Amino acid sequence: MFDHVHHDWLDQRKYPWVSLTEAAIYLISPDDDARLAAVNSHDWEHPFNRLREWIVGGKITVYEAWHDGPCKPIPKEEFFGVLIKYPSYPEAKQRQIGLAFMPGGKAFIQCNLARRPKEVVFDRYFEKGKSEPRWRDLKVRSEELVAALKASNIEAAAELEAMVFPTDPPDQIEEEDHQQTAKPGRKPEFNWELIETECHRLMDHHGYFDVSDPEWDCQARLEEALKRFCQDNWQREPAGSTLRQRLPEWISAWRWRKTGDV
């Protein structure tokens, strides 16, 4: 299954293109055995959210790699807030998922894992109300995938360093430690339900993003507002990558509540 990857190294010369599903598999883990375990346990949400984040952020471009012509880039707007049907599901969810993602129902990206003998099953993108896919065989460039992963690792390392090595002056840290009778524990997790509620409130107030409105022209304005909200409530804010991972689902839920569409 992972013949194009060996110990977190993607052979970009041999495999300049990978499918959307294969890109998600590559993000699950650098270890082949860990990838297989995640695939078998249907652990898809995190890698696909990360891919969506990179696509919407312009770090990765998705192409239609159909057999009758050259690869054509797909506008990133096509992927924003669109539901993704994961490659596989536990048996108990099969009927529920199948009904939710009927072709011609809601717009969604259908990512496929199965590769049956003498049959190629492509990743496809369906539009609302149409039974035939608009885009077939969704591909991304290997070099863009690797570059985005490296950039993400650098960002994550910087966030970790800031947590391990605080920027407060040493004398201030020593004074605070002296005043405390016990070592401080890990800071409590953010109240994500409350943050999601604030996200919906902001979207209700401003509406969907409008490029003509400099205060609400893109998702970045929503991220900034939610970070300010966190600072007001907890005197700290979540990492941007952590927040962006949750936003597509929240915005999709908001659009569904407002319009019945995603």
C-alpha atoms as a PDB file:
ATOM      1  CA  MET A   1       0.000   0.000   0.000  1.00  0.00           C
ATOM      2  CA  PHE A   2       2.863   2.382   0.824  1.00  0.00           C
ATOM      3  CA  ASP A   3       5.330   1.375  -1.869  1.00  0.00           C
ATOM      4  CA  HIS A   4       5.953   5.037  -2.752  1.00  0.00           C
ATOM      5  CA  VAL A   5       7.001   5.881   0.818  1.00  0.00           C
ATOM      6  CA  HIS A   6       9.890   4.492   2.836  1.00  0.00           C
ATOM      7  CA  HIS A   7      10.448   5.693   6.406  1.00  0.00           C
ATOM      8  CA  ASP A   8       8.933   9.147   5.929  1.00  0.00           C
ATOM      9  CA  TRP A   9      10.630   9.664   2.570  1.00  0.00           C
ATOM     10  CA  LEU A  10       8.456  10.132  -0.487  1.00  0.00           C
ATOM     11  CA  ASP A  11      10.184   9.332  -3.783  1.00  0.00           C
ATOM     12  CA  GLN A  12       9.222  12.529  -5.613  1.00  0.00           C
ATOM     13  CA  ARG A  13      10.973  11.562  -8.845  1.00  0.00           C
ATOM     14  CA  LYS A  14       9.299   8.204  -9.128  1.00  0.00           C
ATOM     15  CA  TYR A  15       5.971   9.474  -7.735  1.00  0.00           C
ATOM     16  CA  PRO A  16       5.608  13.174  -8.665  1.00  0.00           C
ATOM     17  CA  TRP A  17       1.828  12.879  -8.059  1.00  0.00           C
ATOM     18  CA  VAL A  18      -0.133  11.160  -5.288  1.00  0.00           C
ATOM     19  CA  SER A  19      -3.861  10.862  -4.806  1.00  0.00           C
ATOM     20  CA  LEU A  20      -5.667  12.801  -2.104  1.00  0.00           C
ATOM     21  CA  THR A  21      -6.170   9.574  -0.159  1.00  0.00           C
ATOM     22  CA  GLU A  22      -2.509   8.606  -0.496  1.00  0.00           C
ATOM     23  CA  ALA A  23      -1.515  12.085   0.701  1.00  0.00           C
ATOM     24  CA  ALA A  24      -3.655  11.572   3.812  1.00  0.00           C
ATOM     25  CA  ILE A  25      -2.039   8.178   4.410  1.00  0.00           C
ATOM     26  CA  TYR A  26       1.383   9.796   4.119  1.00  0.00           C
ATOM     27  CA  LEU A  27       0.435  12.316   6.828  1.00  0.00           C
ATOM     28  CA  ILE A  28      -0.828   9.724   9.303  1.00  0.00           C
ATOM     29  CA  SER A  29       2.630   8.577  10.418  1.00  0.00           C
ATOM     30  CA  PRO A  30       6.214   8.309   9.170  1.00  0.00           C
ATOM     31  CA  ASP A  31       6.218   4.604  10.013  1.00  0.00           C
ATOM     32  CA  ASP A  32       4.679   2.060   7.656  1.00  0.00           C
ATOM     33  CA  ASP A  33       3.307  -0.133  10.430  1.00  0.00           C
ATOM     34  CA  ALA A  34       1.764   2.856  12.204  1.00  0.00           C
ATOM     35  CA  ARG A  35       0.148   3.968   8.956  1.00  0.00           C
ATOM     36  CA  LEU A  36      -1.374   0.556   8.404  1.00  0.00           C
ATOM     37  CA  ALA A  37      -2.697   0.444  11.964  1.00  0.00           C
ATOM     38  CA  ALA A  38      -4.257   3.899  11.546  1.00  0.00           C
ATOM     39  CA  VAL A  39      -5.819   2.904   8.231  1.00  0.00           C
ATOM     40  CA  ASN A  40      -7.314  -0.226   9.746  1.00  0.00           C
ATOM     41  CA  SER A  41      -8.679   1.736  12.708  1.00  0.00           C
ATOM     42  CA  HIS A  42     -10.266   4.364  10.399  1.00  0.00           C
ATOM     43  CA  ASP A  43      -8.188   7.187  11.873  1.00  0.00           C
ATOM     44  CA  TRP A  44      -8.820   9.626   9.007  1.00  0.00           C
ATOM     45  CA  GLU A  45     -10.124  12.855  10.497  1.00  0.00           C
ATOM     46  CA  HIS A  46      -6.791  14.414  11.452  1.00  0.00           C
ATOM     47  CA  PRO A  47      -4.881  13.879   8.168  1.00  0.00           C
ATOM     48  CA  PHE A  48      -7.774  15.056   6.007  1.00  0.00           C
ATOM     49  CA  ASN A  49      -8.283  18.152   8.161  1.00  0.00           C
ATOM     50  CA  ARG A  50      -4.588  18.918   7.799  1.00  0.00           C
ATOM     51  CA  LEU A  51      -4.818  18.492   4.024  1.00  0.00           C
ATOM     52  CA  ARG A  52      -7.874  20.748   3.871  1.00  0.00           C
ATOM     53  CA  GLU A  53      -5.996  23.361   5.927  1.00  0.00           C
ATOM     54  CA  TRP A  54      -3.085  23.326   3.483  1.00  0.00           C
ATOM     55  CA  ILE A  55      -5.353  23.400   0.435  1.00  0.00           C
ATOM     56  CA  VAL A  56      -7.378  26.369   1.687  1.00  0.00           C
ATOM     57  CA  GLY A  57      -4.162  28.098   2.787  1.00  0.00           C
ATOM     58  CA  GLY A  58      -2.699  27.763  -0.705  1.00  0.00           C
ATOM     59  CA  LYS A  59       0.203  25.519   0.324  1.00  0.00           C
ATOM     60  CA  ILE A  60      -1.070  22.619  -1.774  1.00  0.00           C
ATOM     61  CA  THR A  61      -2.950  22.677  -5.075  1.00  0.00           C
ATOM     62  CA  VAL A  62      -5.284  19.823  -6.006  1.00  0.00           C
ATOM     63  CA  TYR A  63      -5.410  18.743  -9.637  1.00  0.00           C
ATOM     64  CA  GLU A  64      -7.785  16.715 -11.734  1.00  0.00           C
ATOM     65  CA  ALA A  65      -5.553  14.060 -13.260  1.00  0.00           C
ATOM     66  CA  TRP A  66      -7.931  12.576 -15.816  1.00  0.00           C
ATOM     67  CA  HIS A  67      -6.712  10.302 -18.602  1.00  0.00           C
ATOM     68  CA  ASP A  68      -7.907  12.401 -21.566  1.00  0.00           C
ATOM     69  CA  GLY A  69      -5.778  15.496 -20.961  1.00  0.00           C
ATOM     70  CA  PRO A  70      -3.187  17.259 -18.809  1.00  0.00           C
ATOM     71  CA  CYS A  71      -3.663  17.752 -15.078  1.00  0.00           C
ATOM     72  CA  LYS A  72      -5.835  20.779 -14.398  1.00  0.00           C
ATOM     73  CA  PRO A  73      -5.616  22.747 -11.118  1.00  0.00           C
ATOM     74  CA  ILE A  74      -8.815  22.911  -9.096  1.00  0.00           C
ATOM     75  CA  PRO A  75      -9.657  26.234  -7.349  1.00  0.00           C
ATOM     76  CA  LYS A  76      -9.081  25.953  -3.616  1.00  0.00           C
ATOM     77  CA  GLU A  77     -12.520  27.476  -3.015  1.00  0.00           C
ATOM     78  CA  GLU A  78     -14.004  24.204  -4.238  1.00  0.00           C
ATOM     79  CA  PHE A  79     -12.633  22.501  -1.124  1.00  0.00           C
ATOM     80  CA  PHE A  80     -13.557  25.047   1.516  1.00  0.00           C
ATOM     81  CA  GLY A  81     -16.278  23.789   3.836  1.00  0.00           C
ATOM     82  CA  VAL A  82     -16.907  20.716   1.656  1.00  0.00           C
ATOM     83  CA  LEU A  83     -17.573  17.425   3.408  1.00  0.00           C
ATOM     84  CA  ILE A  84     -15.101  14.612   2.913  1.00  0.00           C
ATOM     85  CA  LYS A  85     -16.178  11.001   2.765  1.00  0.00           C
ATOM     86  CA  TYR A  86     -13.337   9.064   4.321  1.00  0.00           C
ATOM     87  CA  PRO A  87     -12.003   5.944   2.600  1.00  0.00           C
ATOM     88  CA  SER A  88     -13.335   3.418   5.088  1.00  0.00           C
ATOM     89  CA  TYR A  89     -15.609   3.210   8.094  1.00  0.00           C
ATOM     90  CA  PRO A  90     -16.448   0.732  10.840  1.00  0.00           C
ATOM     91  CA  GLU A  91     -19.171  -1.660   9.781  1.00  0.00           C
ATOM     92  CA  ALA A  92     -21.716  -0.091  12.150  1.00  0.00           C
ATOM     93  CA  LYS A  93     -21.438   3.256  10.345  1.00  0.00           C
ATOM     94  CA  GLN A  94     -21.573   2.029   6.772  1.00  0.00           C
ATOM     95  CA  ARG A  95     -25.313   2.568   6.248  1.00  0.00           C
ATOM     96  CA  GLN A  96     -25.343   5.893   8.084  1.00  0.00           C
ATOM     97  CA  ILE A  97     -22.398   7.238   6.074  1.00  0.00           C
ATOM     98  CA  GLY A  98     -23.771   5.901   2.812  1.00  0.00           C
ATOM     99  CA  LEU A  99     -27.057   7.736   3.275  1.00  0.00           C
ATOM    100  CA  ALA A 100     -25.315  10.964   4.237  1.00  0.00           C
ATOM    101  CA  PHE A 101     -23.115  10.979   1.142  1.00  0.00           C
ATOM    102  CA  MET A 102     -25.410   9.871  -1.640  1.00  0.00           C
ATOM    103  CA  PRO A 103     -24.173  11.163  -5.031  1.00  0.00           C
ATOM    104  CA  GLY A 104     -26.289  14.140  -5.976  1.00  0.00           C
ATOM    105  CA  GLY A 105     -27.095  14.892  -2.343  1.00  0.00           C
ATOM    106  CA  LYS A 106     -24.570  17.152  -0.640  1.00  0.00           C
ATOM    107  CA  ALA A 107     -21.385  18.377  -2.235  1.00  0.00           C
ATOM    108  CA  PHE A 108     -18.532  16.210  -1.045  1.00  0.00           C
ATOM    109  CA  ILE A 109     -15.119  14.781  -1.843  1.00  0.00           C
ATOM    110  CA  GLN A 110     -15.158  11.006  -2.077  1.00  0.00           C
ATOM    111  CA  CYS A 111     -11.746   9.638  -1.127  1.00  0.00           C
ATOM    112  CA  ASN A 112     -11.197   5.992  -1.908  1.00  0.00           C
ATOM    113  CA  LEU A 113      -8.760   3.480  -0.522  1.00  0.00           C
ATOM    114  CA  ALA A 114      -9.834   0.324  -2.352  1.00  0.00           C
ATOM    115  CA  ARG A 115      -7.807  -0.770  -5.365  1.00  0.00           C
ATOM    116  CA  ARG A 116      -9.499  -3.863  -6.705  1.00  0.00           C
ATOM    117  CA  PRO A 117      -7.934  -6.091  -9.380  1.00  0.00           C
ATOM    118  CA  LYS A 118      -8.615  -4.765 -12.903  1.00  0.00           C
ATOM    119  CA  GLU A 119     -10.527  -1.831 -11.393  1.00  0.00           C
ATOM    120  CA  VAL A 120      -9.285   1.643 -10.532  1.00  0.00           C
ATOM    121  CA  VAL A 121     -11.358   3.619  -8.030  1.00  0.00           C
ATOM    122  CA  PHE A 122     -10.569   7.326  -8.212  1.00  0.00           C
ATOM    123  CA  ASP A 123     -10.927  10.020  -5.602  1.00  0.00           C
ATOM    124  CA  ARG A 124     -13.818  12.156  -6.833  1.00  0.00           C
ATOM    125  CA  TYR A 125     -15.540  15.460  -6.111  1.00  0.00           C
ATOM    126  CA  PHE A 126     -19.327  15.636  -6.362  1.00  0.00           C
ATOM    127  CA  GLU A 127     -21.462  18.767  -6.576  1.00  0.00           C
ATOM    128  CA  LYS A 128     -24.793  19.171  -4.850  1.00  0.00           C
ATOM    129  CA  GLY A 129     -27.663  17.864  -6.958  1.00  0.00           C
ATOM    130  CA  LYS A 130     -25.495  16.041  -9.524  1.00  0.00           C
ATOM    131  CA  SER A 131     -24.957  12.310  -9.669  1.00  0.00           C
ATOM    132  CA  GLU A 132     -21.831  12.491 -11.841  1.00  0.00           C
ATOM    133  CA  PRO A 133     -18.572  13.744 -10.324  1.00  0.00           C
ATOM    134  CA  ARG A 134     -17.326  17.153 -11.353  1.00  0.00           C
ATOM    135  CA  TRP A 135     -13.708  16.252 -10.751  1.00  0.00           C
ATOM    136  CA  ARG A 136     -12.166  12.794 -11.060  1.00  0.00           C
ATOM    137  CA  ASP A 137      -8.871  11.365  -9.831  1.00  0.00           C
ATOM    138  CA  LEU A 138      -7.845  14.110  -7.409  1.00  0.00           C
ATOM    139  CA  LYS A 139      -4.052  14.464  -7.228  1.00  0.00           C
ATOM    140  CA  VAL A 140      -1.518  16.625  -5.420  1.00  0.00           C
ATOM    141  CA  ARG A 141       2.145  17.212  -6.208  1.00  0.00           C
ATOM    142  CA  SER A 142       4.518  15.218  -4.035  1.00  0.00           C
ATOM    143  CA  GLU A 143       6.916  18.150  -3.764  1.00  0.00           C
ATOM    144  CA  GLU A 144       4.172  20.450  -2.441  1.00  0.00           C
ATOM    145  CA  LEU A 145       3.057  17.832   0.072  1.00  0.00           C
ATOM    146  CA  VAL A 146       6.587  17.340   1.398  1.00  0.00           C
ATOM    147  CA  ALA A 147       7.238  21.105   1.521  1.00  0.00           C
ATOM    148  CA  ALA A 148       4.028  21.724   3.475  1.00  0.00           C
ATOM    149  CA  LEU A 149       4.891  18.942   5.900  1.00  0.00           C
ATOM    150  CA  LYS A 150       8.382  20.332   6.505  1.00  0.00           C
ATOM    151  CA  ALA A 151       7.013  23.845   7.036  1.00  0.00           C
ATOM    152  CA  SER A 152       4.442  22.488   9.453  1.00  0.00           C
ATOM    153  CA  ASN A 153       7.119  20.664  11.430  1.00  0.00           C
ATOM    154  CA  ILE A 154       9.131  23.852  11.714  1.00  0.00           C
ATOM    155  CA  GLU A 155       6.070  25.724  12.957  1.00  0.00           C
ATOM    156  CA  ALA A 156       5.253  22.987  15.451  1.00  0.00           C
ATOM    157  CA  ALA A 157       8.846  22.940  16.715  1.00  0.00           C
ATOM    158  CA  ALA A 158       8.731  26.703  17.318  1.00  0.00           C
ATOM    159  CA  GLU A 159       5.476  26.356  19.264  1.00  0.00           C
ATOM    160  CA  LEU A 160       6.965  23.544  21.364  1.00  0.00           C
ATOM    161  CA  GLU A 161      10.110  25.576  22.068  1.00  0.00           C
ATOM    162  CA  ALA A 162       7.991  28.498  23.261  1.00  0.00           C
ATOM    163  CA  MET A 163       6.217  26.144  25.676  1.00  0.00           C
ATOM    164  CA  VAL A 164       9.407  24.560  27.029  1.00  0.00           C
ATOM    165  CA  PHE A 165      11.439  27.759  27.256  1.00  0.00           C
ATOM    166  CA  PRO A 166       9.218  30.604  28.498  1.00  0.00           C
ATOM    167  CA  THR A 167      10.101  34.158  27.523  1.00  0.00           C
ATOM    168  CA  ASP A 168       9.646  35.626  31.039  1.00  0.00           C
ATOM    169  CA  PRO A 169      12.823  37.014  32.657  1.00  0.00           C
ATOM    170  CA  PRO A 170      14.655  34.418  34.835  1.00  0.00           C
ATOM    171  CA  ASP A 171      14.272  36.457  38.027  1.00  0.00           C
ATOM    172  CA  GLN A 172      10.522  36.703  37.468  1.00  0.00           C
ATOM    173  CA  ILE A 173      10.249  32.960  36.947  1.00  0.00           C
ATOM    174  CA  GLU A 174      12.321  32.290  40.076  1.00  0.00           C
ATOM    175  CA  GLU A 175      10.134  34.632  42.135  1.00  0.00           C
ATOM    176  CA  GLU A 176       6.943  32.990  40.922  1.00  0.00           C
ATOM    177  CA  ASP A 177       8.343  29.532  41.663  1.00  0.00           C
ATOM    178  CA  HIS A 178       9.293  30.633  45.155  1.00  0.00           C
ATOM    179  CA  GLN A 179       5.770  31.860  45.862  1.00  0.00           C
ATOM    180  CA  GLN A 180       4.179  28.598  44.794  1.00  0.00           C
ATOM    181  CA  THR A 181       4.166  25.656  47.186  1.00  0.00           C
ATOM    182  CA  ALA A 182       3.801  23.110  44.425  1.00  0.00           C
ATOM    183  CA  LYS A 183       4.855  22.848  40.800  1.00  0.00           C
ATOM    184  CA  PRO A 184       2.164  24.096  38.465  1.00  0.00           C
ATOM    185  CA  GLY A 185       0.406  21.400  36.525  1.00  0.00           C
ATOM    186  CA  ARG A 186      -0.467  21.413  32.862  1.00  0.00           C
ATOM    187  CA  LYS A 187      -2.716  24.265  31.896  1.00  0.00           C
ATOM    188  CA  PRO A 188      -6.314  23.180  31.409  1.00  0.00           C
ATOM    189  CA  GLU A 189      -7.601  22.463  27.920  1.00  0.00           C
ATOM    190  CA  PHE A 190      -9.531  25.166  26.132  1.00  0.00           C
ATOM    191  CA  ASN A 191     -13.308  24.985  26.240  1.00  0.00           C
ATOM    192  CA  TRP A 192     -13.722  24.131  22.563  1.00  0.00           C
ATOM    193  CA  GLU A 193     -17.510  24.059  22.781  1.00  0.00           C
ATOM    194  CA  LEU A 194     -17.461  27.645  23.993  1.00  0.00           C
ATOM    195  CA  ILE A 195     -15.024  28.625  21.228  1.00  0.00           C
ATOM    196  CA  GLU A 196     -17.255  26.954  18.630  1.00  0.00           C
ATOM    197  CA  THR A 197     -20.247  28.872  19.994  1.00  0.00           C
ATOM    198  CA  GLU A 198     -18.283  32.103  19.602  1.00  0.00           C
ATOM    199  CA  CYS A 199     -17.374  31.049  16.049  1.00  0.00           C
ATOM    200  CA  HIS A 200     -21.067  30.667  15.189  1.00  0.00           C
ATOM    201  CA  ARG A 201     -21.862  34.006  16.838  1.00  0.00           C
ATOM    202  CA  LEU A 202     -19.200  35.768  14.802  1.00  0.00           C
ATOM    203  CA  MET A 203     -20.387  34.138  11.580  1.00  0.00           C
ATOM    204  CA  ASP A 204     -23.975  35.123  12.388  1.00  0.00           C
ATOM    205  CA  HIS A 205     -22.860  38.693  12.967  1.00  0.00           C
ATOM    206  CA  HIS A 206     -20.583  39.102   9.938  1.00  0.00           C
ATOM    207  CA  GLY A 207     -22.001  36.542   7.531  1.00  0.00           C
ATOM    208  CA  TYR A 208     -19.860  34.493   5.173  1.00  0.00           C
ATOM    209  CA  PHE A 209     -16.462  35.883   4.181  1.00  0.00           C
ATOM    210  CA  ASP A 210     -16.585  38.722   1.643  1.00  0.00           C
ATOM    211  CA  VAL A 211     -13.455  39.822  -0.210  1.00  0.00           C
ATOM    212  CA  SER A 212     -14.864  43.358  -0.415  1.00  0.00           C
ATOM    213  CA  ASP A 213     -14.971  43.607   3.389  1.00  0.00           C
ATOM    214  CA  PRO A 214     -11.422  44.144   4.751  1.00  0.00           C
ATOM    215  CA  GLU A 215     -12.589  43.253   8.265  1.00  0.00           C
ATOM    216  CA  TRP A 216     -14.108  39.930   7.168  1.00  0.00           C
ATOM    217  CA  ASP A 217     -12.533  39.031   3.831  1.00  0.00           C
ATOM    218  CA  CYS A 218     -11.203  35.569   4.689  1.00  0.00           C
ATOM    219  CA  GLN A 219     -10.932  32.865   7.326  1.00  0.00           C
ATOM    220  CA  ALA A 220      -7.881  34.563   8.834  1.00  0.00           C
ATOM    221  CA  ARG A 221     -10.143  37.305  10.262  1.00  0.00           C
ATOM    222  CA  LEU A 222     -12.203  34.647  12.042  1.00  0.00           C
ATOM    223  CA  GLU A 223      -9.044  33.033  13.424  1.00  0.00           C
ATOM    224  CA  GLU A 224      -7.844  36.403  14.769  1.00  0.00           C
ATOM    225  CA  ALA A 225     -11.192  37.080  16.437  1.00  0.00           C
ATOM    226  CA  LEU A 226     -11.258  33.647  18.075  1.00  0.00           C
ATOM    227  CA  LYS A 227      -7.709  34.075  19.349  1.00  0.00           C
ATOM    228  CA  ARG A 228      -8.707  37.390  20.936  1.00  0.00           C
ATOM    229  CA  PHE A 229     -11.689  35.612  22.475  1.00  0.00           C
ATOM    230  CA  CYS A 230      -9.348  32.996  23.982  1.00  0.00           C
ATOM    231  CA  GLN A 231      -7.011  35.655  25.305  1.00  0.00           C
ATOM    232  CA  ASP A 232      -9.931  37.423  26.984  1.00  0.00           C
ATOM    233  CA  ASN A 233     -11.144  34.195  28.597  1.00  0.00           C
ATOM    234  CA  TRP A 234      -7.956  32.243  29.358  1.00  0.00           C
ATOM    235  CA  GLN A 235      -5.135  34.782  28.888  1.00  0.00           C
ATOM    236  CA  ARG A 236      -3.654  32.546  26.218  1.00  0.00           C
ATOM    237  CA  GLU A 237      -4.588  31.243  22.802  1.00  0.00           C
ATOM    238  CA  PRO A 238      -4.377  27.925  20.946  1.00  0.00           C
ATOM    239  CA  ALA A 239      -1.834  27.315  18.204  1.00  0.00           C
ATOM    240  CA  GLY A 240      -3.000  28.557  14.826  1.00  0.00           C
ATOM    241  CA  SER A 241      -2.684  25.081  13.303  1.00  0.00           C
ATOM    242  CA  THR A 242      -4.846  23.606  16.088  1.00  0.00           C
ATOM    243  CA  LEU A 243      -7.542  26.223  15.554  1.00  0.00           C
ATOM    244  CA  ARG A 244      -7.481  25.902  11.762  1.00  0.00           C
ATOM    245  CA  GLN A 245      -7.928  22.142  12.095  1.00  0.00           C
ATOM    246  CA  ARG A 246     -11.336  22.687  13.719  1.00  0.00           C
ATOM    247  CA  LEU A 247     -12.633  25.607  11.648  1.00  0.00           C
ATOM    248  CA  PRO A 248     -13.746  23.752   8.484  1.00  0.00           C
ATOM    249  CA  GLU A 249     -16.140  21.563  10.484  1.00  0.00           C
ATOM    250  CA  TRP A 250     -17.478  24.538  12.461  1.00  0.00           C
ATOM    251  CA  ILE A 251     -18.010  26.655   9.348  1.00  0.00           C
ATOM    252  CA  SER A 252     -19.671  23.749   7.532  1.00  0.00           C
ATOM    253  CA  ALA A 253     -22.037  23.328  10.490  1.00  0.00           C
ATOM    254  CA  TRP A 254     -22.792  27.059  10.450  1.00  0.00           C
ATOM    255  CA  ARG A 255     -23.528  27.044   6.716  1.00  0.00           C
ATOM    256  CA  TRP A 256     -25.747  23.992   7.115  1.00  0.00           C
ATOM    257  CA  ARG A 257     -27.657  25.712   9.916  1.00  0.00           C
ATOM    258  CA  LYS A 258     -28.081  28.894   7.882  1.00  0.00           C
ATOM    259  CA  THR A 259     -28.745  27.539   4.407  1.00  0.00           C
ATOM    260  CA  GLY A 260     -29.081  23.765   4.614  1.00  0.00           C
ATOM    261  CA  ASP A 261     -25.961  23.495   2.452  1.00  0.00           C
ATOM    262  CA  VAL A 262     -22.270  22.995   3.081  1.00  0.00           C
END
